[in-house]
């Protein structure tokens, strides 16, 4: 009993030791990405919507050289990258990978030019092979938790029999190394390292320092306890319930859904959701095995599971609905975001799963009660349920790569650069889509020095849609830039932009270019 108490205390202590976590999003950059600067900035500052931890920060200067002399300082939501004093002129790129408090990486690049732009490009995106490994490890972990631990719980608390434990044993054997692999590949992703770096300590240390590290330890503990529960010991049933609780705790400790505000509701919701999934999915493989050789004890087992499954489905429906509302915020996000597309796919599969469950409960189980010959049909239906359940696990593992709509911040402004020998104009358009847009105009001379103007006029036209020139006067702001606010762009397309800067009473500089405006 002391062993059971210690294991339960460990799971509960680790499970509720995590603080307030969410998914980070970049909300401000100084200097603004795409800026044209006369001199190099002393630092590049990144401000996020929550406290973050630097993972990998890299600087490529205007000569295309990777620099290792940029100093990184983190303070709460802000990361400051001090620039080397000898930055050459040209386009520089600061790429960043930071760790949000839910344990997921947030990556991007900031581009600015000192003087005339050059061809420096941001580094290539993350290796798709690593993403595939992360996805596979996540699916394997889900199989171990839901099929493995859930199967053991079914055997000890519902079937009171160890029949059909082959699949749960295999699931646990898959889940344990998948949990370890998840920790390693998470570290690689956070630091932007190649697969060979798994042999070093760095990815393991950084992954364990995130909220996902303790969560994976709890998941591993839950699966090990489930293995112990397979042994014929007097405490096996207690171990099975502890393992089940461990599944819920591991899910409630990290991830998008568990860490969404208000956490006082979302953490218990994901805990209960995890328990419901484990009880339902874990029962499928043992039930299918029981149906292959039905006995007089089979029907009572099926009836007991039906009663528990009804409660589990109700919990799943309520908690799933609440979590979806929190994550999506707006119904339109269900069709406009990748997160929503994954949720819609999951819901479609769940509807199929519920239809089969209803068929089993109200038609096939009564048929089994009347005649044992109904067992093959019920078995086929349960096997089909298992296939759909595995498909759901594979689909939801994709959420690892997709931030929920609640964390998405407005797009960075659309930027165009217009220059001649006499002048250079940098134009930022926010949000750069159909509707009301704000324009920020940065005026410079041909050698990137500030261009002083008495008046500035912005003219926009869309000839392909018959939109004649729209002329708006710009106002000089305290930041030294010229601003034109709330310009109505009614159509998507290639808008023609003309900027007239009155330098003196007798001199006017005019630059023109095109701007691609997209639908919202």
Protein backbone atom coordinates (compact mmCIF):
# COMPACT_ATOMS: atom_id res chain seq x y z
CA UNK A 1 0.00 0.00 0.00
CA UNK A 2 2.92 2.34 0.68
CA UNK A 3 4.09 1.79 -2.90
CA UNK A 4 0.63 2.65 -4.25
CA UNK A 5 0.42 5.77 -2.11
CA UNK A 6 3.86 6.91 -3.21
CA UNK A 7 3.05 6.40 -6.88
CA UNK A 8 -0.25 8.24 -6.59
CA UNK A 9 1.36 11.11 -4.68
CA UNK A 10 4.12 11.39 -7.32
CA UNK A 11 1.63 11.57 -10.17
CA UNK A 12 -0.53 14.16 -8.41
CA UNK A 13 2.42 16.29 -7.29
CA UNK A 14 4.03 16.39 -10.71
CA UNK A 15 0.68 16.77 -12.43
CA UNK A 16 -0.31 19.92 -10.59
CA UNK A 17 3.12 21.52 -10.29
CA UNK A 18 2.99 23.32 -13.61
CA UNK A 19 2.19 27.01 -13.73
CA UNK A 20 0.15 29.12 -16.12
CA UNK A 21 1.03 28.10 -19.66
CA UNK A 22 -0.15 29.09 -23.12
CA UNK A 23 1.07 29.35 -26.70
CA UNK A 24 3.31 32.31 -27.54
CA UNK A 25 2.82 34.62 -30.51
CA UNK A 26 5.03 37.45 -31.73
CA UNK A 27 3.22 40.77 -31.29
CA UNK A 28 5.90 43.41 -32.00
CA UNK A 29 9.36 43.78 -33.53
CA UNK A 30 11.77 46.69 -33.33
CA UNK A 31 12.92 47.58 -35.92
CA UNK A 32 9.90 46.53 -37.97
CA UNK A 33 10.65 43.63 -40.28
CA UNK A 34 11.36 44.99 -43.77
CA UNK A 35 12.71 48.31 -42.52
CA UNK A 36 15.30 50.32 -44.45
CA UNK A 37 17.78 51.86 -42.00
CA UNK A 38 20.50 54.45 -42.46
CA UNK A 39 22.63 52.90 -39.71
CA UNK A 40 22.67 49.51 -38.02
CA UNK A 41 20.37 49.14 -35.00
CA UNK A 42 21.98 48.60 -31.64
CA UNK A 43 19.59 45.72 -30.97
CA UNK A 44 16.65 43.83 -32.41
CA UNK A 45 13.81 43.38 -29.91
CA UNK A 46 11.13 40.71 -30.19
CA UNK A 47 8.05 41.06 -27.98
CA UNK A 48 5.67 38.14 -27.50
CA UNK A 49 2.26 37.86 -25.85
CA UNK A 50 3.74 35.84 -22.99
CA UNK A 51 7.09 35.04 -21.39
CA UNK A 52 9.28 32.90 -23.65
CA UNK A 53 12.66 31.17 -23.43
CA UNK A 54 15.25 31.60 -26.22
CA UNK A 55 15.93 28.39 -28.10
CA UNK A 56 18.09 29.22 -31.11
CA UNK A 57 18.79 32.79 -32.27
CA UNK A 58 20.87 33.23 -35.43
CA UNK A 59 22.10 36.34 -37.28
CA UNK A 60 23.05 36.49 -40.96
CA UNK A 61 24.61 39.82 -41.90
CA UNK A 62 24.35 41.82 -45.12
CA UNK A 63 27.35 39.96 -46.57
CA UNK A 64 25.55 36.63 -46.12
CA UNK A 65 27.77 35.50 -43.24
CA UNK A 66 26.42 33.68 -40.18
CA UNK A 67 27.45 35.62 -37.09
CA UNK A 68 28.00 34.16 -33.63
CA UNK A 69 28.73 37.44 -31.85
CA UNK A 70 25.14 38.60 -31.35
CA UNK A 71 24.29 38.66 -27.63
CA UNK A 72 20.84 37.46 -26.57
CA UNK A 73 19.04 38.70 -23.46
CA UNK A 74 15.59 37.53 -22.35
CA UNK A 75 13.31 39.34 -19.93
CA UNK A 76 9.75 38.09 -19.63
CA UNK A 77 7.93 38.63 -22.92
CA UNK A 78 10.87 40.43 -24.59
CA UNK A 79 13.97 39.01 -26.22
CA UNK A 80 16.68 41.50 -27.13
CA UNK A 81 19.44 40.59 -29.60
CA UNK A 82 22.37 43.01 -29.36
CA UNK A 83 23.85 43.58 -32.81
CA UNK A 84 27.62 43.41 -33.42
CA UNK A 85 29.13 46.89 -33.97
CA UNK A 86 30.67 45.93 -37.33
CA UNK A 87 27.52 44.91 -39.24
CA UNK A 88 28.12 45.52 -42.96
CA UNK A 89 25.63 47.36 -45.12
CA UNK A 90 22.97 45.30 -46.85
CA UNK A 91 20.09 43.06 -45.78
CA UNK A 92 20.48 41.28 -42.44
CA UNK A 93 18.29 38.43 -41.16
CA UNK A 94 17.64 37.51 -37.52
CA UNK A 95 16.02 34.07 -37.28
CA UNK A 96 14.59 32.96 -33.97
CA UNK A 97 13.24 29.82 -32.33
CA UNK A 98 11.80 30.45 -28.88
CA UNK A 99 10.00 28.15 -26.48
CA UNK A 100 6.48 29.08 -25.44
CA UNK A 101 5.23 28.14 -22.02
CA UNK A 102 3.19 25.22 -23.37
CA UNK A 103 6.45 23.63 -24.51
CA UNK A 104 6.01 24.27 -28.23
CA UNK A 105 8.50 26.16 -30.43
CA UNK A 106 7.69 29.46 -32.13
CA UNK A 107 9.93 30.31 -35.07
CA UNK A 108 10.30 33.14 -37.55
CA UNK A 109 12.66 35.70 -39.06
CA UNK A 110 13.13 39.46 -38.94
CA UNK A 111 14.64 41.21 -41.98
CA UNK A 112 16.06 44.72 -42.12
CA UNK A 113 18.37 46.52 -44.51
CA UNK A 114 21.20 48.89 -43.70
CA UNK A 115 21.36 51.11 -46.76
CA UNK A 116 20.58 49.38 -50.04
CA UNK A 117 18.97 45.91 -49.81
CA UNK A 118 20.96 42.81 -50.78
CA UNK A 119 19.92 39.24 -51.51
CA UNK A 120 20.26 37.79 -48.00
CA UNK A 121 17.55 35.19 -47.40
CA UNK A 122 16.09 33.70 -44.20
CA UNK A 123 17.34 30.20 -43.37
CA UNK A 124 15.39 27.24 -44.73
CA UNK A 125 12.40 26.04 -42.74
CA UNK A 126 12.54 23.04 -40.43
CA UNK A 127 13.21 19.62 -41.91
CA UNK A 128 9.96 17.90 -42.82
CA UNK A 129 11.56 14.60 -41.81
CA UNK A 130 11.83 15.78 -38.22
CA UNK A 131 8.18 16.84 -38.26
CA UNK A 132 7.26 13.35 -39.45
CA UNK A 133 9.20 11.81 -36.55
CA UNK A 134 7.50 14.17 -34.08
CA UNK A 135 4.11 13.15 -35.48
CA UNK A 136 4.92 9.41 -35.37
CA UNK A 137 6.19 9.66 -31.81
CA UNK A 138 3.03 11.54 -30.79
CA UNK A 139 0.79 8.89 -32.39
CA UNK A 140 2.78 6.12 -30.68
CA UNK A 141 2.44 7.91 -27.35
CA UNK A 142 -1.34 8.19 -27.80
CA UNK A 143 -1.56 4.49 -28.64
CA UNK A 144 0.34 3.60 -25.47
CA UNK A 145 -1.80 5.84 -23.27
CA UNK A 146 -5.26 5.25 -24.70
CA UNK A 147 -5.04 1.70 -26.07
CA UNK A 148 -2.49 0.36 -23.59
CA UNK A 149 -3.49 1.96 -20.28
CA UNK A 150 -7.15 1.98 -21.31
CA UNK A 151 -7.04 -1.73 -22.12
CA UNK A 152 -5.55 -2.56 -18.72
CA UNK A 153 -8.20 -0.45 -16.99
CA UNK A 154 -10.92 -2.29 -18.92
CA UNK A 155 -9.51 -5.67 -17.89
CA UNK A 156 -9.23 -4.82 -14.21
CA UNK A 157 -12.35 -2.71 -13.65
CA UNK A 158 -14.92 -3.69 -16.29
CA UNK A 159 -14.18 -7.19 -17.65
CA UNK A 160 -12.60 -8.57 -14.44
CA UNK A 161 -10.69 -10.78 -16.85
CA UNK A 162 -7.30 -10.66 -18.59
CA UNK A 163 -8.71 -12.00 -21.86
CA UNK A 164 -7.68 -9.97 -24.91
CA UNK A 165 -4.62 -8.27 -23.36
CA UNK A 166 -2.32 -8.89 -26.33
CA UNK A 167 -3.12 -5.58 -28.05
CA UNK A 168 -2.81 -3.48 -24.86
CA UNK A 169 0.56 -5.12 -24.12
CA UNK A 170 1.77 -4.26 -27.63
CA UNK A 171 0.39 -0.74 -27.27
CA UNK A 172 2.34 -0.20 -24.05
CA UNK A 173 5.46 -1.57 -25.72
CA UNK A 174 4.98 1.02 -28.48
CA UNK A 175 4.03 3.86 -26.15
CA UNK A 176 7.04 3.74 -23.83
CA UNK A 177 9.76 4.26 -26.48
CA UNK A 178 7.47 6.74 -28.25
CA UNK A 179 7.33 8.85 -25.08
CA UNK A 180 11.13 8.84 -24.80
CA UNK A 181 11.47 9.66 -28.50
CA UNK A 182 8.96 12.50 -28.13
CA UNK A 183 11.22 14.13 -25.57
CA UNK A 184 14.29 13.88 -27.80
CA UNK A 185 12.71 15.11 -31.02
CA UNK A 186 11.03 17.96 -29.13
CA UNK A 187 14.49 19.13 -28.07
CA UNK A 188 15.73 18.92 -31.65
CA UNK A 189 12.78 20.99 -32.81
CA UNK A 190 13.23 23.60 -30.09
CA UNK A 191 16.90 24.11 -30.90
CA UNK A 192 16.70 23.57 -34.67
CA UNK A 193 19.24 20.74 -34.50
CA UNK A 194 19.73 17.78 -36.88
CA UNK A 195 18.77 14.23 -35.96
CA UNK A 196 22.38 13.33 -35.13
CA UNK A 197 22.24 15.73 -32.17
CA UNK A 198 20.09 13.20 -30.29
CA UNK A 199 23.39 11.71 -29.16
CA UNK A 200 24.18 14.92 -27.27
CA UNK A 201 22.71 16.19 -24.02
CA UNK A 202 21.47 19.58 -25.32
CA UNK A 203 18.10 18.55 -26.87
CA UNK A 204 17.20 16.35 -23.90
CA UNK A 205 18.01 19.08 -21.38
CA UNK A 206 16.04 21.80 -23.16
CA UNK A 207 13.03 19.51 -23.76
CA UNK A 208 12.92 18.39 -20.15
CA UNK A 209 13.01 22.03 -19.02
CA UNK A 210 9.70 22.69 -20.81
CA UNK A 211 6.26 21.72 -19.53
CA UNK A 212 6.32 18.75 -21.93
CA UNK A 213 9.21 17.15 -20.00
CA UNK A 214 7.37 16.47 -16.73
CA UNK A 215 4.21 15.60 -18.69
CA UNK A 216 6.06 12.90 -20.62
CA UNK A 217 7.55 11.57 -17.38
CA UNK A 218 4.03 11.20 -15.97
CA UNK A 219 2.95 9.46 -19.20
CA UNK A 220 5.88 7.04 -18.91
CA UNK A 221 5.05 6.39 -15.25
CA UNK A 222 1.41 5.72 -16.16
CA UNK A 223 2.37 3.15 -18.79
CA UNK A 224 4.87 1.43 -16.47
CA UNK A 225 2.22 1.24 -13.75
CA UNK A 226 -0.20 -0.24 -16.30
CA UNK A 227 2.37 -2.93 -17.09
CA UNK A 228 2.60 -3.74 -13.39
CA UNK A 229 -1.19 -3.92 -13.23
CA UNK A 230 -1.10 -6.77 -15.75
CA UNK A 231 0.43 -8.98 -13.07
CA UNK A 232 -1.92 -11.07 -10.97
CA UNK A 233 -1.43 -9.26 -7.68
CA UNK A 234 -3.91 -8.07 -5.07
CA UNK A 235 -3.06 -4.44 -5.82
CA UNK A 236 -3.48 -4.73 -9.61
CA UNK A 237 -6.84 -2.93 -9.65
CA UNK A 238 -5.40 -0.02 -7.66
CA UNK A 239 -2.49 0.21 -10.07
CA UNK A 240 -4.90 0.30 -13.03
CA UNK A 241 -6.82 3.26 -11.59
CA UNK A 242 -3.58 5.09 -10.79
CA UNK A 243 -2.40 4.54 -14.36
CA UNK A 244 -5.70 5.90 -15.69
CA UNK A 245 -5.35 9.03 -13.55
CA UNK A 246 -1.78 9.38 -14.83
CA UNK A 247 -3.05 9.55 -18.41
CA UNK A 248 -5.36 12.44 -17.56
CA UNK A 249 -2.64 14.26 -15.62
CA UNK A 250 -0.07 13.95 -18.40
CA UNK A 251 -2.50 15.50 -20.89
CA UNK A 252 -3.54 18.26 -18.47
CA UNK A 253 0.06 19.36 -17.84
CA UNK A 254 0.97 20.65 -21.28
CA UNK A 255 -0.29 21.41 -24.78
CA UNK A 256 -2.57 23.93 -26.47
CA UNK A 257 -5.87 22.81 -24.99
CA UNK A 258 -4.73 22.17 -21.43
CA UNK A 259 -2.99 25.52 -21.09
CA UNK A 260 -5.63 27.79 -22.59
CA UNK A 261 -7.15 30.35 -20.25
CA UNK A 262 -9.12 30.05 -18.03
CA UNK A 263 -6.94 27.19 -16.82
CA UNK A 264 -9.18 26.58 -13.82
CA UNK A 265 -11.63 25.18 -16.39
CA UNK A 266 -9.47 23.95 -19.27
CA UNK A 267 -7.08 21.81 -17.22
CA UNK A 268 -9.86 19.83 -15.49
CA UNK A 269 -11.67 19.64 -18.84
CA UNK A 270 -8.71 18.10 -20.65
CA UNK A 271 -8.13 15.78 -17.65
CA UNK A 272 -11.70 14.48 -17.86
CA UNK A 273 -11.56 14.38 -21.66
CA UNK A 274 -8.44 12.23 -21.47
CA UNK A 275 -10.09 9.84 -19.01
CA UNK A 276 -13.13 9.50 -21.27
CA UNK A 277 -11.02 8.76 -24.34
CA UNK A 278 -8.92 6.21 -22.44
CA UNK A 279 -11.92 4.33 -21.08
CA UNK A 280 -13.67 4.22 -24.47
CA UNK A 281 -10.79 3.49 -26.83
CA UNK A 282 -9.01 1.18 -24.39
CA UNK A 283 -12.00 -1.15 -24.24
CA UNK A 284 -12.25 -1.76 -28.00
CA UNK A 285 -9.42 -4.28 -28.52
CA UNK A 286 -10.32 -6.46 -25.50
CA UNK A 287 -14.00 -6.38 -26.49
CA UNK A 288 -13.14 -7.51 -30.02
CA UNK A 289 -11.11 -10.37 -28.56
CA UNK A 290 -14.01 -11.37 -26.30
CA UNK A 291 -16.37 -11.40 -29.29
CA UNK A 292 -14.12 -13.86 -31.15
CA UNK A 293 -14.86 -16.54 -28.53
CA UNK A 294 -18.00 -15.49 -26.66
CA UNK A 295 -18.91 -17.20 -23.39
CA UNK A 296 -21.71 -16.81 -20.89
CA UNK A 297 -19.68 -14.04 -19.22
CA UNK A 298 -19.38 -12.01 -22.42
CA UNK A 299 -22.81 -10.38 -22.38
CA UNK A 300 -22.54 -9.07 -18.78
CA UNK A 301 -19.15 -7.54 -19.68
CA UNK A 302 -20.63 -5.84 -22.74
CA UNK A 303 -23.54 -4.51 -20.69
CA UNK A 304 -21.22 -3.15 -17.99
CA UNK A 305 -19.12 -1.40 -20.60
CA UNK A 306 -22.21 0.04 -22.30
CA UNK A 307 -23.28 1.72 -19.10
CA UNK A 308 -19.82 3.17 -18.43
CA UNK A 309 -19.36 4.15 -22.08
CA UNK A 310 -22.56 6.20 -22.01
CA UNK A 311 -21.14 8.27 -19.14
CA UNK A 312 -17.76 8.56 -20.91
CA UNK A 313 -19.40 9.81 -24.11
CA UNK A 314 -21.34 12.45 -22.17
CA UNK A 315 -18.12 13.68 -20.52
CA UNK A 316 -16.34 13.70 -23.88
CA UNK A 317 -19.11 15.70 -25.51
CA UNK A 318 -19.29 18.35 -22.79
CA UNK A 319 -15.54 18.80 -22.34
CA UNK A 320 -14.86 18.65 -26.08
CA UNK A 321 -17.44 21.34 -26.79
CA UNK A 322 -16.04 23.61 -24.08
CA UNK A 323 -12.44 23.20 -25.24
CA UNK A 324 -13.42 23.81 -28.87
CA UNK A 325 -15.16 27.07 -27.93
CA UNK A 326 -12.09 28.23 -26.01
CA UNK A 327 -9.64 27.33 -28.76
CA UNK A 328 -11.60 28.56 -31.77
CA UNK A 329 -13.10 31.73 -30.22
CA UNK A 330 -15.12 32.30 -33.43
CA UNK A 331 -17.09 29.68 -35.41
CA UNK A 332 -15.54 30.91 -38.67
CA UNK A 333 -12.15 29.65 -37.44
CA UNK A 334 -13.45 26.13 -37.99
CA UNK A 335 -13.18 26.64 -41.75
CA UNK A 336 -10.58 29.40 -42.03
CA UNK A 337 -7.69 27.92 -40.03
CA UNK A 338 -5.64 24.74 -40.17
CA UNK A 339 -6.47 24.09 -36.53
CA UNK A 340 -10.15 24.29 -37.42
CA UNK A 341 -9.67 21.95 -40.39
CA UNK A 342 -8.12 19.33 -38.09
CA UNK A 343 -10.95 19.78 -35.61
CA UNK A 344 -13.55 19.44 -38.38
CA UNK A 345 -11.89 16.22 -39.58
CA UNK A 346 -11.82 14.89 -36.03
CA UNK A 347 -15.49 15.74 -35.52
CA UNK A 348 -16.43 13.91 -38.74
CA UNK A 349 -14.61 10.79 -37.54
CA UNK A 350 -16.13 11.08 -34.07
CA UNK A 351 -19.62 11.22 -35.61
CA UNK A 352 -18.84 7.95 -37.38
CA UNK A 353 -17.56 6.48 -34.12
CA UNK A 354 -20.72 7.54 -32.28
CA UNK A 355 -22.89 6.05 -34.99
CA UNK A 356 -21.14 2.69 -34.60
CA UNK A 357 -21.37 2.92 -30.82
CA UNK A 358 -25.13 3.54 -31.10
CA UNK A 359 -25.46 0.60 -33.49
CA UNK A 360 -23.63 -1.62 -31.02
CA UNK A 361 -25.64 -0.41 -28.03
CA UNK A 362 -29.15 -0.48 -29.44
CA UNK A 363 -29.04 -3.20 -32.09
CA UNK A 364 -26.06 -5.55 -31.99
CA UNK A 365 -25.86 -5.97 -28.20
CA UNK A 366 -29.58 -6.87 -27.93
CA UNK A 367 -29.03 -9.30 -30.81
CA UNK A 368 -26.18 -10.88 -28.85
CA UNK A 369 -28.48 -11.23 -25.84
CA UNK A 370 -30.98 -13.15 -27.95
CA UNK A 371 -28.50 -15.37 -29.77
CA UNK A 372 -24.73 -15.92 -29.51
CA UNK A 373 -24.55 -15.98 -33.30
CA UNK A 374 -24.73 -12.17 -33.16
CA UNK A 375 -21.16 -12.01 -31.83
CA UNK A 376 -19.39 -11.85 -35.25
CA UNK A 377 -21.39 -8.81 -36.35
CA UNK A 378 -20.66 -7.03 -33.07
CA UNK A 379 -16.99 -7.94 -33.38
CA UNK A 380 -16.79 -6.49 -36.91
CA UNK A 381 -18.40 -3.28 -35.72
CA UNK A 382 -15.95 -2.99 -32.80
CA UNK A 383 -12.98 -3.58 -35.11
CA UNK A 384 -14.27 -0.79 -37.37
CA UNK A 385 -14.59 1.42 -34.28
CA UNK A 386 -10.94 0.66 -33.49
CA UNK A 387 -9.82 1.67 -36.97
CA UNK A 388 -11.71 4.99 -36.74
CA UNK A 389 -10.29 5.59 -33.27
CA UNK A 390 -6.73 5.13 -34.57
CA UNK A 391 -7.51 7.55 -37.40
CA UNK A 392 -8.67 10.12 -34.84
CA UNK A 393 -5.41 9.73 -32.91
CA UNK A 394 -3.43 10.22 -36.12
CA UNK A 395 -5.43 13.35 -36.99
CA UNK A 396 -5.23 15.05 -33.60
CA UNK A 397 -1.47 14.46 -33.47
CA UNK A 398 -1.35 17.11 -36.21
CA UNK A 399 -2.35 19.76 -33.68
CA UNK A 400 1.26 19.67 -32.50
CA UNK A 401 2.17 21.77 -35.57
CA UNK A 402 -0.81 24.13 -35.63
CA UNK A 403 -1.42 26.93 -33.14
CA UNK A 404 -5.04 27.37 -32.08
CA UNK A 405 -6.90 30.41 -33.47
CA UNK A 406 -7.00 32.07 -30.03
CA UNK A 407 -3.20 32.54 -30.22
CA UNK A 408 -3.05 33.91 -33.75
CA UNK A 409 -2.09 37.58 -33.85
CA UNK A 410 -2.79 39.86 -36.82
CA UNK A 411 -0.50 39.42 -39.81
CA UNK A 412 2.62 41.55 -40.05
CA UNK A 413 2.23 44.57 -42.32
CA UNK A 414 2.65 44.19 -46.06
CA UNK A 415 5.89 45.89 -47.12
CA UNK A 416 7.05 47.26 -50.46
CA UNK A 417 10.30 49.04 -51.24
CA UNK A 418 10.51 51.66 -54.01
CA UNK A 419 13.79 53.28 -54.93
CA UNK A 420 15.56 55.32 -57.59
CA UNK A 421 18.95 57.00 -57.66
CA UNK A 422 17.47 60.05 -55.93
CA UNK A 423 15.22 58.50 -53.26
CA UNK A 424 14.03 55.34 -51.50
CA UNK A 425 10.55 54.90 -50.03
CA UNK A 426 9.60 52.07 -47.67
CA UNK A 427 5.83 51.46 -47.51
CA UNK A 428 4.16 49.37 -44.80
CA UNK A 429 0.48 48.47 -45.26
CA UNK A 430 -1.47 47.02 -42.36
CA UNK A 431 -3.12 44.55 -42.58
CA UNK A 432 -2.50 44.55 -46.35
CA UNK A 433 -5.89 43.04 -47.17
CA UNK A 434 -9.23 44.12 -48.59
CA UNK A 435 -10.94 46.56 -46.23
CA UNK A 436 -9.57 49.44 -44.17
CA UNK A 437 -5.77 49.68 -44.27
CA UNK A 438 -3.21 51.94 -42.64
CA UNK A 439 -0.15 53.11 -44.61
CA UNK A 440 3.21 54.05 -43.08
CA UNK A 441 5.68 55.81 -45.41
CA UNK A 442 9.39 55.99 -44.65
CA UNK A 443 11.17 58.48 -46.93
CA UNK A 444 14.93 58.33 -47.55
CA UNK A 445 17.43 59.80 -49.95
CA UNK A 446 19.37 57.67 -52.41
CA UNK A 447 22.09 57.08 -49.81
CA UNK A 448 19.55 55.99 -47.12
CA UNK A 449 19.57 59.28 -45.19
CA UNK A 450 16.19 60.62 -43.99
CA UNK A 451 14.40 62.63 -46.66
CA UNK A 452 12.79 65.78 -45.26
CA UNK A 453 9.55 66.67 -47.04
CA UNK A 454 7.05 69.49 -46.63
CA UNK A 455 4.08 67.48 -47.88
CA UNK A 456 3.47 63.87 -48.87
CA UNK A 457 0.57 62.51 -50.91
CA UNK A 458 -0.43 58.87 -51.42
CA UNK A 459 -2.34 57.95 -54.59
CA UNK A 460 -3.88 54.51 -55.18
CA UNK A 461 -5.65 53.07 -58.21
CA UNK A 462 -6.83 49.68 -59.47
CA UNK A 463 -7.23 50.00 -63.27
CA UNK A 464 -8.29 46.37 -63.76
CA UNK A 465 -11.42 46.99 -61.66
CA UNK A 466 -12.06 50.51 -62.94
CA UNK A 467 -10.95 52.21 -59.70
CA UNK A 468 -9.72 55.69 -60.58
CA UNK A 469 -6.87 57.28 -58.58
CA UNK A 470 -7.68 57.82 -54.89
CA UNK A 471 -5.58 60.63 -53.44
CA UNK A 472 -4.92 60.96 -49.70
CA UNK A 473 -2.66 63.39 -47.82
CA UNK A 474 -0.19 61.87 -45.38
CA UNK A 475 0.45 63.22 -41.88
CA UNK A 476 3.90 63.31 -40.29
CA UNK A 477 3.88 61.32 -37.05
CA UNK A 478 6.02 61.71 -33.94
CA UNK A 479 7.98 58.64 -35.03
CA UNK A 480 9.30 60.54 -38.07
CA UNK A 481 7.23 58.52 -40.54
CA UNK A 482 4.34 59.70 -42.71
CA UNK A 483 0.97 58.08 -41.97
CA UNK A 484 -2.22 57.63 -43.99
CA UNK A 485 -4.92 55.95 -41.92
CA UNK A 486 -8.12 54.07 -42.75
CA UNK A 487 -7.73 53.85 -46.51
CA UNK A 488 -10.58 51.83 -48.05
CA UNK A 489 -9.33 49.11 -50.44
CA UNK A 490 -12.58 47.54 -51.66
CA UNK A 491 -11.14 44.89 -54.02
CA UNK A 492 -8.29 42.39 -54.10
CA UNK A 493 -5.79 42.81 -56.91
CA UNK A 494 -2.64 44.66 -57.96
CA UNK A 495 -3.08 48.23 -56.83
CA UNK A 496 -0.90 50.95 -58.30
CA UNK A 497 0.82 53.08 -55.65
CA UNK A 498 2.23 56.57 -56.27
CA UNK A 499 3.89 58.66 -53.58
CA UNK A 500 4.57 62.36 -54.15
CA UNK A 501 6.94 64.04 -51.70
CA UNK A 502 7.18 67.84 -51.91
CA UNK A 503 10.76 68.51 -50.83
CA UNK A 504 10.81 72.27 -51.58
CA UNK A 505 8.43 74.68 -53.22
CA UNK A 506 10.16 73.90 -56.51
CA UNK A 507 11.13 70.21 -56.13
CA UNK A 508 8.90 67.13 -55.88
CA UNK A 509 10.03 63.49 -55.73
CA UNK A 510 7.60 60.92 -57.16
CA UNK A 511 8.01 57.14 -56.86
CA UNK A 512 5.59 54.49 -58.12
CA UNK A 513 5.13 50.75 -57.70
CA UNK A 514 2.44 48.05 -57.46
CA UNK A 515 0.95 46.50 -54.34
CA UNK A 516 -0.74 43.08 -54.28
CA UNK A 517 -3.78 43.21 -51.99
CA UNK A 518 -5.42 39.91 -51.04
CA UNK A 519 -8.87 39.05 -49.75
CA UNK A 520 -9.24 38.81 -45.95
